[in-house]
Protein backbone atom coordinates (compact mmCIF):
# COMPACT_ATOMS: atom_id res chain seq x y z
CA MET A 1 14.37 -0.91 4.35
CA LYS A 2 14.83 0.20 7.74
CA ASP A 3 15.71 4.01 5.97
CA LEU A 4 12.00 3.95 5.03
CA TYR A 5 9.96 2.33 7.82
CA CYS A 6 7.79 4.71 9.70
CA MET A 7 9.60 7.37 7.50
CA PRO A 8 7.13 10.27 5.78
CA PHE A 9 6.81 9.75 1.57
CA VAL A 10 5.62 10.85 -1.35
CA PHE A 11 5.20 7.88 -4.28
CA GLN A 12 4.71 8.86 -7.70
CA ALA A 13 3.22 6.43 -9.64
CA THR A 14 3.27 6.42 -13.21
CA LYS A 15 1.62 2.50 -13.75
CA TYR A 16 -0.65 0.40 -11.67
CA GLU A 17 -1.42 -3.71 -12.07
CA VAL A 18 -4.58 -5.41 -10.34
CA TYR A 19 -4.30 -8.61 -9.71
CA GLN A 20 -7.56 -11.24 -8.81
CA ASP A 21 -7.27 -15.19 -8.87
CA GLY A 22 -3.80 -15.11 -9.69
CA ARG A 23 -4.17 -13.58 -12.95
CA CYS A 24 -3.96 -9.95 -14.09
CA ILE A 25 -7.21 -8.11 -14.61
CA ASP A 26 -6.57 -4.35 -15.41
CA MET A 27 -3.18 -2.31 -15.96
CA GLY A 28 -2.41 1.03 -17.53
CA ALA A 29 -0.51 3.77 -17.26
CA THR A 30 -1.33 6.83 -14.29
CA ASP A 31 -0.42 9.60 -12.51
CA VAL A 32 -0.88 9.19 -8.84
CA GLN A 33 1.14 10.41 -5.69
CA ILE A 34 1.14 8.23 -2.68
CA ILE A 35 1.20 9.90 0.38
CA SER A 36 2.49 8.54 3.84
CA LYS A 37 2.98 9.75 7.73
CA THR A 38 3.14 8.73 10.61
CA LYS A 39 1.95 9.18 13.70
CA ASP A 40 1.46 7.32 17.18
CA ASP A 41 1.83 4.02 15.62
CA ILE A 42 -0.40 4.25 12.74
CA ALA A 43 1.03 5.26 9.32
CA PHE A 44 -1.79 7.59 7.10
CA PHE A 45 -1.97 6.99 3.82
CA HIS A 46 -3.26 9.78 0.97
CA LEU A 47 -3.75 8.96 -2.63
CA GLU A 48 -3.45 12.31 -5.08
CA GLY A 49 -4.90 12.44 -8.87
CA VAL A 50 -7.14 10.19 -10.68
CA ILE A 51 -7.18 6.50 -9.06
CA PRO A 52 -7.33 3.92 -11.63
CA THR A 53 -9.44 1.24 -9.48
CA ASP A 54 -11.32 1.27 -5.98
CA ILE A 55 -9.47 2.09 -3.52
CA LYS A 56 -10.01 5.03 -0.59
CA ARG A 57 -8.59 7.99 -0.95
CA ASN A 58 -7.60 8.28 2.80
CA PHE A 59 -6.69 4.89 5.04
CA ALA A 60 -4.52 4.45 7.82
CA PHE A 61 -2.55 0.86 8.81
CA PRO A 62 -1.43 -0.37 12.43
CA ILE A 63 2.06 -0.59 12.83
CA TYR A 64 3.11 -3.42 14.76
CA GLY A 65 6.46 -3.01 14.73
CA ILE A 66 9.85 -4.61 13.21
CA GLU A 67 9.71 -7.44 15.80
CA GLN A 68 6.11 -8.42 14.95
CA GLY A 69 7.10 -8.65 11.09
CA ASP A 70 6.87 -5.42 9.78
CA ILE A 71 10.11 -5.26 7.99
CA LEU A 72 10.10 -8.64 6.29
CA GLU A 73 12.74 -10.05 3.70
CA ASP A 74 12.15 -8.27 0.91
CA ARG A 75 9.44 -5.59 1.67
CA ILE A 76 7.51 -3.15 4.74
CA GLN A 77 4.78 -4.69 5.60
CA TYR A 78 2.27 -2.37 6.94
CA GLY A 79 -1.26 -3.76 8.63
CA ARG A 80 -2.44 -7.65 7.79
CA LEU A 81 -4.42 -9.40 6.37
CA PRO A 82 -7.99 -10.41 8.76
CA VAL A 83 -8.29 -13.71 10.28
CA ASP A 84 -11.73 -13.63 8.13
CA ILE A 85 -11.33 -11.87 5.03
CA ASN A 86 -14.98 -12.60 3.81
CA HIS A 87 -15.99 -10.87 6.99
CA TRP A 88 -14.40 -7.45 5.87
CA PRO A 89 -16.07 -4.92 6.51
CA LEU A 90 -14.67 -2.02 4.36
CA PRO A 91 -14.13 -3.45 1.17
CA LEU A 92 -12.14 -0.36 -0.37
CA ASP A 93 -10.15 -0.08 3.04
CA PRO A 94 -7.05 -2.05 2.37
CA PRO A 95 -5.80 -3.99 4.87
CA VAL A 96 -2.41 -4.91 4.19
CA CYS A 97 0.32 -2.51 2.83
CA ASN A 98 3.38 -3.68 1.27
CA ILE A 99 6.82 -1.55 0.29
CA PHE A 100 9.40 -3.30 -2.15
CA SER A 101 12.85 -2.86 -1.00
CA ASN A 102 13.59 -2.01 -5.06
CA LYS A 103 11.50 1.22 -3.89
CA THR A 104 9.94 1.35 -7.00
CA CYS A 105 6.85 -0.98 -6.28
CA ILE A 106 3.79 -0.18 -3.72
CA ARG A 107 0.94 -2.65 -3.67
CA PHE A 108 -2.20 -3.01 -1.85
CA ALA A 109 -4.63 -5.81 -0.83
CA LEU A 110 -8.09 -5.28 -1.01
CA LEU A 111 -11.16 -7.65 0.33
CA SER A 112 -14.89 -8.18 -1.22
CA PRO A 113 -13.28 -9.49 -3.84
CA LEU A 114 -9.72 -10.25 -3.01
CA ARG A 115 -7.49 -8.50 -4.97
CA ILE A 116 -3.89 -6.34 -5.53
CA VAL A 117 -3.46 -3.28 -6.64
CA GLU A 118 0.28 -2.55 -6.98
CA PHE A 119 1.70 1.00 -7.87
CA TYR A 120 4.88 1.49 -10.02
CA GLY A 121 6.95 4.38 -9.75
CA TYR A 122 9.62 5.94 -7.79
CA PHE A 123 9.88 8.08 -4.55
CA ASP A 124 9.63 11.27 -4.64
CA LEU A 125 10.33 12.33 -1.27
CA ILE A 126 11.66 10.71 1.78
CA GLY A 127 11.56 11.99 4.95
CA GLU A 128 10.64 15.13 6.24
């Protein structure tokens, strides 16, 4: 996972799934590019294409560092869930991103209501 951590990338999503309360509430084919760059301990994300669910096109996550748990056993995690998930002021801004070690799934958590959006596909580019 260290080869992807804090690296710019382009991920081409071909499928998405949305989960709420432990069940899939939406899924289908998609054509979304997830573009990420990092600068000054912040991971910036931009989504291009027809986004199939309520999520902003541009958002960012703090990078806490490997020592603070950004690299887990099976994923990279940018951001963290807030202590009080019921009072998240930006319901379309995800507070957490997971990039899985199989390099075929990127997950965003969204709040109000709590749900997970998973994009499946492949990396077009890693690094500059």
